[in-house]
Structures are given as C-alpha cells and as structure tokens.
Amino acid sequence: MNETETIVEMITRFTDIINGLEALGKTYKESEKVMKILRSLPSKWHTKVTAIQEAKDLTKLPMEELIGSLMTYEIDLTKKLQEGEDKKKKSIALKAITKEEEDVEEEKPSDDDDDLALITRKLNKFMRSERFRGRKFTSKRDPSKKESSSHGDKEKWQEKRKLTCFKCKKTGTHQI
C-alpha cells in the first residue's frame, strides 16, 4: 500500500492482482490473502495490524471483515490527522508576532539579567555602607605583614601605647 493510497484503492488494486493470478492458474486461500494485506500496510497502521493479529484468528478471518475493520480505522486515523493539523495551524497563528512586539521582547530583561542586576545592587549597597568605607583591597597580600585579628593584636596595641597625646603631651592611651 502506498502512503497516500486509501484502503478502498489498495483493496481494488489487490483484487485486480489476485484475479490476474487466478486467471494464470495461481490461487490463494482466504487466510493467505488476509496475511498479505496486513503485511502490505504502512508503518502508521502497525497498531491496528497488531490489534487484529492478537484479537482475531487470522486463519478464519473473512476478507470482508478485515476490509471493514481497516476502513473504520482509516476513518479514525484521518480524523486524528485532521485534528492534529487544525491544532498545528492554531498554534502557529498564536506564535506569530509583529516587529514592534519583537522589539519590546528584546528589551525585556531575561532571568540572567535580573540576577546580574540584583548582584550589582547588593554590591553597590555594600560598597556604600559604613563598614566598607576607608578599606583598601589589594589583589595580592603583602607577605611581610602579619595577618591580625580585629580583637587583640598585641603589636598594634603596644604601638598605640607609645603615641604621644597632642594636648597633654603624655604617652599611651588615655581618656580626655
């Protein structure tokens, strides 16, 4: 069977071939004809062929019943294909956009842009905060300087004790 051929056209062609062979002396049993028809169907008919093979005894299945079953399936298949094409046509119409809409879509930020904007805002807020002001950040640390904790570096504390007060001229730290 050709992909574009209907069941009626296929059965007519099949009957012409069988009649021609019978005129030449070659005859086929009813079950052989049924099997030949089922084997000749295209792949989109595979589900129907399997259903017929499992539900019916192919040695006793009359040609008329097989043809009727195939014609019914063909009608259902045609309806499904028609509905599928109608749905495709509708979805394509919904996907179409004008040039102005396309320009507006390009201006909308994507999720990545939103994330980047949020990170940038948070970083700017941190840079403006009081804790950040006056700090200097370098890409490389000076190996000669020791890292100190903010709570109790003895060397820095001792350096502050050696300082001289501008007003009273005393050394060390004291309250005024």
N, C-alpha and C. Protein backbone atom coordinates (compact mmCIF):
# COMPACT_ATOMS: atom_id res chain seq x y z
N MET A 1 0.85 -1.19 0.00
CA MET A 1 0.00 0.00 0.00
C MET A 1 0.88 1.24 0.00
N ASN A 2 0.55 2.20 -0.82
CA ASN A 2 1.27 3.47 -0.86
C ASN A 2 0.81 4.34 0.31
N GLU A 3 1.65 5.28 0.74
CA GLU A 3 1.32 6.16 1.86
C GLU A 3 0.08 7.02 1.59
N THR A 4 -0.12 7.44 0.34
CA THR A 4 -1.24 8.32 0.01
C THR A 4 -2.49 7.56 -0.44
N GLU A 5 -2.37 6.26 -0.57
CA GLU A 5 -3.46 5.43 -1.07
C GLU A 5 -4.46 5.12 0.05
N THR A 6 -5.76 5.08 -0.30
CA THR A 6 -6.78 4.71 0.68
C THR A 6 -6.94 3.19 0.70
N ILE A 7 -7.66 2.69 1.71
CA ILE A 7 -7.89 1.25 1.83
C ILE A 7 -8.70 0.74 0.62
N VAL A 8 -9.70 1.48 0.21
CA VAL A 8 -10.53 1.06 -0.93
C VAL A 8 -9.67 0.94 -2.18
N GLU A 9 -8.79 1.92 -2.43
CA GLU A 9 -7.90 1.87 -3.60
C GLU A 9 -6.94 0.69 -3.51
N MET A 10 -6.43 0.46 -2.30
CA MET A 10 -5.49 -0.65 -2.11
C MET A 10 -6.19 -1.99 -2.33
N ILE A 11 -7.40 -2.16 -1.80
CA ILE A 11 -8.14 -3.42 -1.96
C ILE A 11 -8.50 -3.65 -3.43
N THR A 12 -8.86 -2.59 -4.13
CA THR A 12 -9.19 -2.70 -5.55
C THR A 12 -7.96 -3.17 -6.34
N ARG A 13 -6.82 -2.56 -6.06
CA ARG A 13 -5.57 -2.96 -6.74
C ARG A 13 -5.21 -4.40 -6.38
N PHE A 14 -5.36 -4.76 -5.11
CA PHE A 14 -5.05 -6.12 -4.64
C PHE A 14 -5.96 -7.14 -5.33
N THR A 15 -7.25 -6.83 -5.43
CA THR A 15 -8.20 -7.74 -6.08
C THR A 15 -7.87 -7.92 -7.55
N ASP A 16 -7.47 -6.84 -8.22
CA ASP A 16 -7.07 -6.95 -9.64
C ASP A 16 -5.87 -7.88 -9.80
N ILE A 17 -4.90 -7.76 -8.89
CA ILE A 17 -3.70 -8.61 -8.96
C ILE A 17 -4.08 -10.07 -8.71
N ILE A 18 -4.91 -10.31 -7.67
CA ILE A 18 -5.32 -11.68 -7.33
C ILE A 18 -6.13 -12.31 -8.48
N ASN A 19 -7.04 -11.53 -9.07
CA ASN A 19 -7.84 -12.04 -10.21
C ASN A 19 -6.94 -12.37 -11.41
N GLY A 20 -5.94 -11.54 -11.65
CA GLY A 20 -4.99 -11.81 -12.74
C GLY A 20 -4.20 -13.08 -12.48
N LEU A 21 -3.79 -13.30 -11.22
CA LEU A 21 -3.05 -14.52 -10.88
C LEU A 21 -3.94 -15.76 -10.98
N GLU A 22 -5.22 -15.62 -10.58
CA GLU A 22 -6.15 -16.76 -10.70
C GLU A 22 -6.37 -17.12 -12.16
N ALA A 23 -6.39 -16.10 -13.04
CA ALA A 23 -6.55 -16.37 -14.48
C ALA A 23 -5.35 -17.14 -15.01
N LEU A 24 -4.19 -16.96 -14.38
CA LEU A 24 -2.98 -17.68 -14.79
C LEU A 24 -2.84 -19.03 -14.10
N GLY A 25 -3.77 -19.31 -13.17
CA GLY A 25 -3.75 -20.62 -12.52
C GLY A 25 -3.23 -20.62 -11.09
N LYS A 26 -2.84 -19.47 -10.55
CA LYS A 26 -2.33 -19.39 -9.17
C LYS A 26 -3.46 -18.95 -8.25
N THR A 27 -3.81 -19.78 -7.29
CA THR A 27 -4.88 -19.43 -6.35
C THR A 27 -4.32 -19.28 -4.94
N TYR A 28 -5.00 -18.45 -4.15
CA TYR A 28 -4.61 -18.22 -2.75
C TYR A 28 -5.79 -18.51 -1.84
N LYS A 29 -5.50 -19.04 -0.64
CA LYS A 29 -6.53 -19.25 0.37
C LYS A 29 -6.91 -17.90 0.96
N GLU A 30 -8.07 -17.85 1.61
CA GLU A 30 -8.56 -16.62 2.25
C GLU A 30 -7.56 -16.13 3.31
N SER A 31 -7.01 -17.04 4.11
CA SER A 31 -6.06 -16.65 5.18
C SER A 31 -4.78 -16.08 4.59
N GLU A 32 -4.32 -16.58 3.44
CA GLU A 32 -3.12 -16.05 2.79
C GLU A 32 -3.36 -14.63 2.29
N LYS A 33 -4.56 -14.40 1.74
CA LYS A 33 -4.90 -13.05 1.28
C LYS A 33 -4.93 -12.07 2.46
N VAL A 34 -5.51 -12.49 3.57
CA VAL A 34 -5.57 -11.63 4.77
C VAL A 34 -4.16 -11.28 5.24
N MET A 35 -3.29 -12.28 5.32
CA MET A 35 -1.90 -12.05 5.76
C MET A 35 -1.16 -11.11 4.80
N LYS A 36 -1.37 -11.29 3.49
CA LYS A 36 -0.71 -10.43 2.51
C LYS A 36 -1.16 -8.97 2.66
N ILE A 37 -2.44 -8.77 2.90
CA ILE A 37 -2.95 -7.41 3.07
C ILE A 37 -2.36 -6.78 4.34
N LEU A 38 -2.34 -7.52 5.44
CA LEU A 38 -1.79 -6.99 6.70
C LEU A 38 -0.31 -6.66 6.57
N ARG A 39 0.44 -7.49 5.83
CA ARG A 39 1.87 -7.22 5.64
C ARG A 39 2.12 -6.02 4.74
N SER A 40 1.19 -5.71 3.86
CA SER A 40 1.41 -4.63 2.91
C SER A 40 1.07 -3.24 3.46
N LEU A 41 0.50 -3.18 4.67
CA LEU A 41 0.11 -1.88 5.23
C LEU A 41 1.33 -1.10 5.71
N PRO A 42 1.30 0.24 5.60
CA PRO A 42 2.44 1.06 6.04
C PRO A 42 2.60 1.07 7.57
N SER A 43 3.68 1.65 8.03
CA SER A 43 4.02 1.61 9.45
C SER A 43 3.01 2.35 10.33
N LYS A 44 2.32 3.35 9.82
CA LYS A 44 1.34 4.07 10.64
C LYS A 44 0.14 3.18 10.98
N TRP A 45 0.02 2.05 10.30
CA TRP A 45 -1.04 1.08 10.56
C TRP A 45 -0.59 -0.02 11.52
N HIS A 46 0.61 0.04 11.99
CA HIS A 46 1.20 -1.03 12.80
C HIS A 46 0.33 -1.38 14.02
N THR A 47 -0.21 -0.37 14.71
CA THR A 47 -1.01 -0.64 15.89
C THR A 47 -2.28 -1.43 15.54
N LYS A 48 -2.91 -1.08 14.44
CA LYS A 48 -4.12 -1.77 14.02
C LYS A 48 -3.80 -3.20 13.59
N VAL A 49 -2.70 -3.39 12.87
CA VAL A 49 -2.30 -4.73 12.43
C VAL A 49 -2.06 -5.62 13.64
N THR A 50 -1.35 -5.08 14.63
CA THR A 50 -1.06 -5.85 15.85
C THR A 50 -2.36 -6.20 16.58
N ALA A 51 -3.27 -5.25 16.68
CA ALA A 51 -4.54 -5.50 17.34
C ALA A 51 -5.33 -6.59 16.63
N ILE A 52 -5.37 -6.58 15.32
CA ILE A 52 -6.10 -7.60 14.55
C ILE A 52 -5.45 -8.96 14.73
N GLN A 53 -4.12 -9.00 14.67
CA GLN A 53 -3.40 -10.27 14.80
C GLN A 53 -3.63 -10.90 16.17
N GLU A 54 -3.71 -10.09 17.21
CA GLU A 54 -3.87 -10.64 18.55
C GLU A 54 -5.32 -10.92 18.89
N ALA A 55 -6.25 -10.19 18.32
CA ALA A 55 -7.66 -10.35 18.69
C ALA A 55 -8.38 -11.41 17.84
N LYS A 56 -7.94 -11.62 16.65
CA LYS A 56 -8.67 -12.50 15.72
C LYS A 56 -7.82 -13.71 15.34
N ASP A 57 -8.50 -14.76 14.97
CA ASP A 57 -7.84 -15.93 14.40
C ASP A 57 -7.72 -15.67 12.89
N LEU A 58 -6.51 -15.40 12.44
CA LEU A 58 -6.31 -14.99 11.04
C LEU A 58 -6.64 -16.11 10.05
N THR A 59 -6.65 -17.35 10.49
CA THR A 59 -6.98 -18.45 9.57
C THR A 59 -8.48 -18.49 9.27
N LYS A 60 -9.29 -17.88 10.17
CA LYS A 60 -10.75 -17.90 9.99
C LYS A 60 -11.33 -16.51 9.72
N LEU A 61 -10.49 -15.49 9.63
CA LEU A 61 -10.97 -14.12 9.44
C LEU A 61 -11.38 -13.91 7.98
N PRO A 62 -12.65 -13.56 7.72
CA PRO A 62 -13.06 -13.31 6.32
C PRO A 62 -12.51 -11.97 5.81
N MET A 63 -12.28 -11.90 4.52
CA MET A 63 -11.74 -10.69 3.89
C MET A 63 -12.66 -9.49 4.12
N GLU A 64 -13.97 -9.70 4.06
CA GLU A 64 -14.93 -8.60 4.23
C GLU A 64 -14.81 -7.97 5.62
N GLU A 65 -14.64 -8.82 6.63
CA GLU A 65 -14.50 -8.31 8.00
C GLU A 65 -13.19 -7.52 8.15
N LEU A 66 -12.12 -8.04 7.56
CA LEU A 66 -10.83 -7.34 7.60
C LEU A 66 -10.93 -5.99 6.91
N ILE A 67 -11.53 -5.96 5.73
CA ILE A 67 -11.67 -4.70 4.98
C ILE A 67 -12.51 -3.70 5.76
N GLY A 68 -13.60 -4.16 6.36
CA GLY A 68 -14.45 -3.28 7.16
C GLY A 68 -13.70 -2.70 8.35
N SER A 69 -12.93 -3.54 9.03
CA SER A 69 -12.13 -3.08 10.17
C SER A 69 -11.08 -2.06 9.74
N LEU A 70 -10.43 -2.31 8.63
CA LEU A 70 -9.40 -1.39 8.13
C LEU A 70 -10.01 -0.06 7.68
N MET A 71 -11.17 -0.11 7.05
CA MET A 71 -11.83 1.13 6.61
C MET A 71 -12.25 1.98 7.81
N THR A 72 -12.75 1.33 8.87
CA THR A 72 -13.12 2.05 10.09
C THR A 72 -11.89 2.72 10.71
N TYR A 73 -10.80 1.99 10.77
CA TYR A 73 -9.56 2.54 11.33
C TYR A 73 -9.05 3.70 10.48
N GLU A 74 -9.18 3.58 9.17
CA GLU A 74 -8.74 4.64 8.27
C GLU A 74 -9.52 5.93 8.53
N ILE A 75 -10.82 5.82 8.75
CA ILE A 75 -11.65 7.00 9.05
C ILE A 75 -11.18 7.65 10.35
N ASP A 76 -10.96 6.83 11.39
CA ASP A 76 -10.47 7.37 12.67
C ASP A 76 -9.10 8.02 12.50
N LEU A 77 -8.23 7.37 11.75
CA LEU A 77 -6.88 7.90 11.53
C LEU A 77 -6.93 9.23 10.80
N THR A 78 -7.80 9.33 9.81
CA THR A 78 -7.96 10.57 9.05
C THR A 78 -8.47 11.70 9.95
N LYS A 79 -9.42 11.39 10.83
CA LYS A 79 -9.94 12.39 11.76
C LYS A 79 -8.84 12.89 12.70
N LYS A 80 -8.05 11.97 13.22
CA LYS A 80 -6.96 12.35 14.14
C LYS A 80 -5.93 13.22 13.43
N LEU A 81 -5.60 12.85 12.21
CA LEU A 81 -4.64 13.66 11.45
C LEU A 81 -5.20 15.05 11.16
N GLN A 82 -6.49 15.11 10.84
CA GLN A 82 -7.15 16.40 10.57
C GLN A 82 -7.13 17.27 11.82
N GLU A 83 -7.47 16.68 12.98
CA GLU A 83 -7.45 17.43 14.24
C GLU A 83 -6.05 17.91 14.57
N GLY A 84 -5.06 17.06 14.32
CA GLY A 84 -3.67 17.44 14.57
C GLY A 84 -3.24 18.61 13.71
N GLU A 85 -3.66 18.61 12.45
CA GLU A 85 -3.32 19.72 11.55
C GLU A 85 -4.02 21.01 11.98
N ASP A 86 -5.28 20.87 12.43
CA ASP A 86 -6.01 22.05 12.91
C ASP A 86 -5.31 22.65 14.14
N LYS A 87 -4.86 21.80 15.03
CA LYS A 87 -4.15 22.29 16.23
C LYS A 87 -2.85 22.97 15.84
N LYS A 88 -2.13 22.38 14.88
CA LYS A 88 -0.87 22.99 14.43
C LYS A 88 -1.12 24.36 13.83
N LYS A 89 -2.18 24.47 13.03
CA LYS A 89 -2.49 25.76 12.41
C LYS A 89 -2.80 26.80 13.47
N LYS A 90 -3.53 26.42 14.50
CA LYS A 90 -3.87 27.36 15.57
C LYS A 90 -2.63 27.77 16.34
N SER A 91 -1.75 26.83 16.64
CA SER A 91 -0.57 27.18 17.42
C SER A 91 0.38 28.06 16.62
N ILE A 92 0.47 27.86 15.33
CA ILE A 92 1.33 28.70 14.51
C ILE A 92 0.80 30.13 14.50
N ALA A 93 -0.52 30.27 14.41
CA ALA A 93 -1.11 31.61 14.40
C ALA A 93 -0.84 32.32 15.73
N LEU A 94 -0.81 31.59 16.81
CA LEU A 94 -0.56 32.20 18.12
C LEU A 94 0.91 32.59 18.30
N LYS A 95 1.79 31.92 17.57
CA LYS A 95 3.21 32.20 17.72
C LYS A 95 3.66 33.44 16.95
N ALA A 96 2.91 33.87 15.98
CA ALA A 96 3.31 34.98 15.13
C ALA A 96 3.31 36.28 15.94
N ILE A 97 4.36 37.09 15.76
CA ILE A 97 4.46 38.38 16.44
C ILE A 97 4.87 39.44 15.43
N THR A 98 4.53 40.69 15.72
CA THR A 98 4.89 41.78 14.83
C THR A 98 6.29 42.27 15.17
N LYS A 99 6.83 43.13 14.34
CA LYS A 99 8.16 43.68 14.55
C LYS A 99 8.21 44.50 15.83
N GLU A 100 7.14 45.25 16.11
CA GLU A 100 7.11 46.07 17.32
C GLU A 100 7.13 45.20 18.56
N GLU A 101 6.37 44.10 18.56
CA GLU A 101 6.36 43.19 19.69
C GLU A 101 7.72 42.54 19.87
N GLU A 102 8.39 42.26 18.75
CA GLU A 102 9.71 41.66 18.83
C GLU A 102 10.70 42.61 19.49
N ASP A 103 10.61 43.91 19.14
CA ASP A 103 11.48 44.91 19.75
C ASP A 103 11.22 45.01 21.25
N VAL A 104 9.97 44.94 21.65
CA VAL A 104 9.62 45.00 23.07
C VAL A 104 10.16 43.78 23.80
N GLU A 105 10.08 42.61 23.18
CA GLU A 105 10.60 41.39 23.80
C GLU A 105 12.10 41.47 24.00
N GLU A 106 12.82 42.08 23.04
CA GLU A 106 14.26 42.20 23.18
C GLU A 106 14.63 43.11 24.34
N GLU A 107 13.78 44.07 24.65
CA GLU A 107 14.07 45.00 25.73
C GLU A 107 13.79 44.39 27.10
N LYS A 108 12.99 43.35 27.17
CA LYS A 108 12.69 42.72 28.45
C LYS A 108 13.94 42.00 28.95
N PRO A 109 14.27 42.19 30.23
CA PRO A 109 15.44 41.50 30.75
C PRO A 109 15.14 40.02 30.97
N SER A 110 16.13 39.21 30.75
CA SER A 110 15.96 37.78 30.98
C SER A 110 16.24 37.48 32.45
N ASP A 111 16.10 36.24 32.84
CA ASP A 111 16.37 35.85 34.22
C ASP A 111 17.83 36.10 34.59
N ASP A 112 18.74 35.86 33.65
CA ASP A 112 20.15 36.11 33.91
C ASP A 112 20.40 37.60 34.16
N ASP A 113 19.73 38.44 33.38
CA ASP A 113 19.87 39.88 33.57
C ASP A 113 19.34 40.30 34.93
N ASP A 114 18.24 39.70 35.36
CA ASP A 114 17.68 40.01 36.68
C ASP A 114 18.65 39.62 37.78
N ASP A 115 19.27 38.45 37.67
CA ASP A 115 20.23 38.00 38.68
C ASP A 115 21.44 38.93 38.73
N LEU A 116 21.93 39.30 37.55
CA LEU A 116 23.08 40.19 37.49
C LEU A 116 22.75 41.56 38.10
N ALA A 117 21.56 42.07 37.82
CA ALA A 117 21.15 43.36 38.38
C ALA A 117 21.05 43.29 39.89
N LEU A 118 20.53 42.20 40.43
CA LEU A 118 20.42 42.04 41.87
C LEU A 118 21.80 41.99 42.53
N ILE A 119 22.71 41.26 41.96
CA ILE A 119 24.07 41.18 42.50
C ILE A 119 24.73 42.55 42.46
N THR A 120 24.56 43.26 41.37
CA THR A 120 25.15 44.59 41.24
C THR A 120 24.60 45.55 42.29
N ARG A 121 23.27 45.52 42.50
CA ARG A 121 22.67 46.40 43.52
C ARG A 121 23.19 46.07 44.91
N LYS A 122 23.30 44.80 45.25
CA LYS A 122 23.79 44.40 46.57
C LYS A 122 25.25 44.81 46.76
N LEU A 123 26.06 44.66 45.72
CA LEU A 123 27.46 45.04 45.80
C LEU A 123 27.59 46.55 45.99
N ASN A 124 26.82 47.31 45.24
CA ASN A 124 26.86 48.78 45.38
C ASN A 124 26.42 49.20 46.77
N LYS A 125 25.41 48.56 47.31
CA LYS A 125 24.93 48.88 48.65
C LYS A 125 26.02 48.58 49.68
N PHE A 126 26.71 47.47 49.52
CA PHE A 126 27.78 47.12 50.43
C PHE A 126 28.94 48.12 50.34
N MET A 127 29.27 48.54 49.13
CA MET A 127 30.37 49.48 48.94
C MET A 127 30.06 50.83 49.58
N ARG A 128 28.78 51.21 49.63
CA ARG A 128 28.39 52.48 50.24
C ARG A 128 28.25 52.40 51.75
N SER A 129 28.24 51.18 52.29
CA SER A 129 28.00 51.02 53.72
C SER A 129 29.17 51.57 54.54
N GLU A 130 28.91 51.86 55.83
CA GLU A 130 29.92 52.42 56.74
C GLU A 130 31.06 51.45 56.98
N ARG A 131 30.77 50.17 57.02
CA ARG A 131 31.81 49.19 57.31
C ARG A 131 32.85 49.14 56.20
N PHE A 132 32.48 49.46 55.00
CA PHE A 132 33.38 49.34 53.87
C PHE A 132 34.24 50.58 53.67
N ARG A 133 33.77 51.73 54.07
CA ARG A 133 34.49 52.97 53.80
C ARG A 133 35.87 52.97 54.45
N GLY A 134 36.83 53.41 53.71
CA GLY A 134 38.19 53.52 54.22
C GLY A 134 39.00 52.26 54.05
N ARG A 135 38.41 51.18 53.67
CA ARG A 135 39.17 49.94 53.48
C ARG A 135 39.83 49.97 52.11
N LYS A 136 41.00 49.37 52.07
CA LYS A 136 41.70 49.24 50.80
C LYS A 136 41.85 47.75 50.51
N PHE A 137 41.46 47.38 49.33
CA PHE A 137 41.57 45.99 48.93
C PHE A 137 42.62 45.89 47.83
N THR A 138 43.54 44.97 48.03
CA THR A 138 44.57 44.74 47.02
C THR A 138 44.41 43.31 46.53
N SER A 139 44.90 43.10 45.34
CA SER A 139 44.77 41.77 44.78
C SER A 139 45.79 40.81 45.39
N LYS A 140 46.93 41.31 45.84
CA LYS A 140 47.95 40.44 46.43
C LYS A 140 48.23 40.93 47.86
N ARG A 141 48.41 39.99 48.76
CA ARG A 141 48.73 40.34 50.14
C ARG A 141 50.22 40.55 50.28
N ASP A 142 50.58 41.44 51.18
CA ASP A 142 51.99 41.70 51.46
C ASP A 142 52.48 40.62 52.42
N PRO A 143 53.41 39.76 51.98
CA PRO A 143 53.84 38.65 52.84
C PRO A 143 54.60 39.12 54.08
N SER A 144 55.15 40.34 54.05
CA SER A 144 55.92 40.82 55.20
C SER A 144 55.00 41.21 56.36
N LYS A 145 53.74 41.56 56.08
CA LYS A 145 52.80 41.94 57.13
C LYS A 145 52.09 40.71 57.65
N LYS A 146 51.95 40.67 58.96
CA LYS A 146 51.23 39.56 59.56
C LYS A 146 49.75 39.87 59.51
N GLU A 147 48.98 38.81 59.41
CA GLU A 147 47.54 39.00 59.49
C GLU A 147 47.17 39.10 60.95
N SER A 148 46.32 40.06 61.25
CA SER A 148 45.95 40.25 62.65
C SER A 148 44.45 40.18 62.81
N SER A 149 44.05 39.81 64.00
CA SER A 149 42.62 39.80 64.27
C SER A 149 42.22 41.19 64.73
N SER A 150 40.95 41.51 64.61
CA SER A 150 40.50 42.85 64.96
C SER A 150 40.35 43.01 66.47
N HIS A 151 40.42 41.91 67.22
CA HIS A 151 40.16 41.99 68.65
C HIS A 151 41.40 42.13 69.51
N GLY A 152 42.53 41.67 69.10
CA GLY A 152 43.64 41.76 70.06
C GLY A 152 45.00 41.49 69.48
N ASP A 153 45.48 42.32 68.63
CA ASP A 153 46.83 42.20 68.14
C ASP A 153 47.74 42.97 69.10
N LYS A 154 48.64 42.28 69.80
CA LYS A 154 49.47 42.92 70.84
C LYS A 154 50.41 43.95 70.26
N GLU A 155 50.96 43.69 69.07
CA GLU A 155 51.91 44.64 68.48
C GLU A 155 51.24 45.98 68.21
N LYS A 156 50.04 45.96 67.64
CA LYS A 156 49.34 47.22 67.36
C LYS A 156 48.98 47.92 68.66
N TRP A 157 48.60 47.18 69.66
CA TRP A 157 48.22 47.77 70.95
C TRP A 157 49.43 48.44 71.60
N GLN A 158 50.58 47.80 71.47
CA GLN A 158 51.79 48.39 72.05
C GLN A 158 52.21 49.64 71.28
N GLU A 159 52.01 49.65 69.96
CA GLU A 159 52.31 50.84 69.18
C GLU A 159 51.43 52.01 69.61
N LYS A 160 50.18 51.75 69.95
CA LYS A 160 49.28 52.82 70.39
C LYS A 160 49.71 53.35 71.75
N ARG A 161 50.30 52.52 72.59
CA ARG A 161 50.73 52.97 73.92
C ARG A 161 51.93 53.92 73.81
N LYS A 162 52.72 53.84 72.74
CA LYS A 162 53.89 54.69 72.57
C LYS A 162 53.55 56.05 71.98
N LEU A 163 52.30 56.24 71.53
CA LEU A 163 51.92 57.50 70.93
C LEU A 163 51.82 58.60 72.00
N THR A 164 52.06 59.83 71.57
CA THR A 164 52.01 60.98 72.49
C THR A 164 50.76 61.79 72.21
N CYS A 165 50.04 62.17 73.27
CA CYS A 165 48.83 62.96 73.15
C CYS A 165 49.19 64.38 72.75
N PHE A 166 48.46 64.95 71.81
CA PHE A 166 48.73 66.29 71.31
C PHE A 166 48.45 67.34 72.36
N LYS A 167 47.39 67.18 73.14
CA LYS A 167 47.01 68.21 74.11
C LYS A 167 47.84 68.14 75.37
N CYS A 168 47.92 66.97 75.99
CA CYS A 168 48.58 66.90 77.28
C CYS A 168 50.02 66.43 77.19
N LYS A 169 50.45 65.99 76.06
CA LYS A 169 51.81 65.55 75.77
C LYS A 169 52.21 64.31 76.56
N LYS A 170 51.25 63.49 76.99
CA LYS A 170 51.55 62.25 77.69
C LYS A 170 51.55 61.11 76.68
N THR A 171 52.32 60.03 76.95
CA THR A 171 52.38 58.85 76.08
C THR A 171 51.35 57.83 76.54
N GLY A 172 50.92 56.98 75.61
CA GLY A 172 49.93 55.95 75.94
C GLY A 172 48.54 56.40 75.57
N THR A 173 47.60 55.52 75.82
CA THR A 173 46.23 55.86 75.52
C THR A 173 45.54 56.26 76.80
N HIS A 174 44.77 57.31 76.75
CA HIS A 174 44.02 57.78 77.91
C HIS A 174 42.80 58.54 77.44
N GLN A 175 41.88 58.76 78.37
CA GLN A 175 40.67 59.48 78.00
C GLN A 175 40.83 60.95 78.36
N ILE A 176 40.26 61.79 77.58
CA ILE A 176 40.37 63.23 77.79
C ILE A 176 39.16 63.75 78.51
